[in-house]
Amino acid sequence: MPEEFIKVCKLSELENKRGKSFSLDGETDIAVFRINDKVYAVENTCPHNHSHVMHEGMVDKNLYVSCPIHGYQFHLETGKVPPDFNIVSSKLDTFKTKIEDGDVFVEKKKKKFKFFDW
């Protein structure tokens, strides 16, 4: 099945090294970051406190975005925390992006169903 990408904005609407919040499908809240001529997309909800604030986070030179509430860091490409960070179970979902004719597109992921053992 082919990937489905949704247009979220024009590249010119994104400030360098700043994030912006978008809704992909009315349900999926994402944070999109422009770092020079590359664009990254991650879920906008911090897994630590479940606040929709990742788009407000600062990005460092190693591509880690910091949650503005508690400073938890997540890599924009992998969603993982830094190797020396003591919270190993936290991770942000990441989304594929592409730029075509100055427009930014983000992949709409298939819904994942989580099953629990009771």
Protein backbone atom coordinates (compact mmCIF):
# COMPACT_ATOMS: atom_id res chain seq x y z
CA MET A 1 0.00 0.00 0.00
CA PRO A 2 1.49 3.38 -0.96
CA GLU A 3 2.37 5.97 1.65
CA GLU A 4 -0.12 8.79 2.11
CA PHE A 5 1.32 12.27 2.61
CA ILE A 6 -0.71 15.29 3.69
CA LYS A 7 0.24 18.88 2.90
CA VAL A 8 0.64 20.83 6.14
CA CYS A 9 2.11 24.17 5.03
CA LYS A 10 4.54 26.00 2.78
CA LEU A 11 8.23 25.73 3.67
CA SER A 12 8.36 29.53 3.82
CA GLU A 13 5.83 29.47 6.70
CA LEU A 14 8.27 27.60 8.96
CA GLU A 15 10.88 29.60 10.87
CA ASN A 16 14.34 28.07 11.00
CA LYS A 17 14.98 26.07 14.19
CA ARG A 18 11.41 26.67 15.39
CA GLY A 19 8.45 24.34 15.61
CA LYS A 20 4.86 24.71 14.55
CA SER A 21 1.83 22.60 15.50
CA PHE A 22 -0.44 20.95 12.92
CA SER A 23 -3.25 18.42 12.88
CA LEU A 24 -2.76 15.74 10.24
CA ASP A 25 -6.22 14.26 10.17
CA GLY A 26 -8.17 15.98 12.91
CA GLU A 27 -6.79 13.48 15.42
CA THR A 28 -3.00 13.37 15.06
CA ASP A 29 -1.30 16.42 16.59
CA ILE A 30 2.22 16.86 15.21
CA ALA A 31 5.10 19.30 15.67
CA VAL A 32 6.95 20.26 12.49
CA PHE A 33 10.45 21.73 12.66
CA ARG A 34 12.51 23.37 9.95
CA ILE A 35 16.26 23.03 10.36
CA ASN A 36 17.79 24.94 7.45
CA ASP A 37 16.40 23.19 4.35
CA LYS A 38 15.27 19.99 6.10
CA VAL A 39 11.93 19.40 7.78
CA TYR A 40 11.23 17.01 10.66
CA ALA A 41 7.90 15.96 12.15
CA VAL A 42 7.26 14.36 15.54
CA GLU A 43 4.20 13.82 17.66
CA ASN A 44 3.36 17.02 19.49
CA THR A 45 2.59 15.29 22.79
CA CYS A 46 5.38 14.89 25.34
CA PRO A 47 5.23 11.28 26.60
CA HIS A 48 6.30 12.43 30.06
CA ASN A 49 3.35 14.67 30.89
CA HIS A 50 1.05 14.24 27.86
CA SER A 51 0.99 17.97 27.09
CA HIS A 52 0.73 19.16 23.48
CA VAL A 53 3.79 21.42 23.66
CA MET A 54 6.65 19.85 21.71
CA HIS A 55 6.25 22.44 18.93
CA GLU A 56 7.32 25.09 21.49
CA GLY A 57 10.56 23.26 22.32
CA MET A 58 14.04 24.49 21.48
CA VAL A 59 16.20 22.43 19.11
CA ASP A 60 19.91 22.02 19.84
CA LYS A 61 22.82 21.47 17.43
CA ASN A 62 22.43 17.68 17.72
CA LEU A 63 18.77 17.79 16.59
CA TYR A 64 17.31 17.18 20.05
CA VAL A 65 14.12 19.07 20.83
CA SER A 66 13.46 19.85 24.50
CA CYS A 67 10.02 19.72 26.06
CA PRO A 68 9.41 23.28 27.31
CA ILE A 69 7.80 22.02 30.52
CA HIS A 70 10.36 19.63 32.02
CA GLY A 71 13.26 19.72 29.55
CA TYR A 72 12.99 16.10 28.39
CA GLN A 73 14.85 15.78 25.08
CA PHE A 74 13.95 13.78 21.98
CA HIS A 75 15.84 13.40 18.70
CA LEU A 76 13.96 14.81 15.71
CA GLU A 77 14.97 11.92 13.42
CA THR A 78 14.52 8.96 15.76
CA GLY A 79 12.27 10.25 18.55
CA LYS A 80 14.67 8.72 21.08
CA VAL A 81 16.07 10.36 24.21
CA PRO A 82 19.84 11.06 24.43
CA PRO A 83 21.97 7.98 25.26
CA ASP A 84 22.92 9.33 28.70
CA PHE A 85 19.32 10.20 29.60
CA ASN A 86 17.92 8.06 32.42
CA ILE A 87 14.39 7.76 30.98
CA VAL A 88 14.82 4.93 28.47
CA SER A 89 11.15 4.09 27.91
CA SER A 90 10.19 7.53 26.58
CA LYS A 91 10.10 8.10 22.83
CA LEU A 92 8.27 10.39 20.42
CA ASP A 93 6.69 9.03 17.27
CA THR A 94 8.36 10.44 14.16
CA PHE A 95 6.83 11.01 10.74
CA LYS A 96 8.35 10.98 7.27
CA THR A 97 8.38 14.36 5.54
CA LYS A 98 8.98 15.63 2.04
CA ILE A 99 9.17 19.00 0.33
CA GLU A 100 7.72 19.42 -3.15
CA ASP A 101 7.51 22.75 -4.97
CA GLY A 102 7.91 24.63 -1.69
CA ASP A 103 5.13 22.69 0.05
CA VAL A 104 5.73 20.56 3.16
CA PHE A 105 4.09 17.14 3.31
CA VAL A 106 3.95 14.77 6.29
CA GLU A 107 3.16 11.08 6.12
CA LYS A 108 -0.15 10.03 7.61
CA LYS A 109 0.53 6.85 9.56
CA LYS A 110 -1.83 3.95 9.76
CA LYS A 111 -3.64 3.66 13.05
CA LYS A 112 -2.00 1.23 15.42
CA PHE A 113 -4.16 -0.75 17.77
CA LYS A 114 -2.66 -1.58 21.11
CA PHE A 115 -3.71 -4.74 22.84
CA PHE A 116 -3.28 -5.28 26.53
CA ASP A 117 -2.89 -8.48 28.49
CA TRP A 118 -5.44 -8.47 31.29
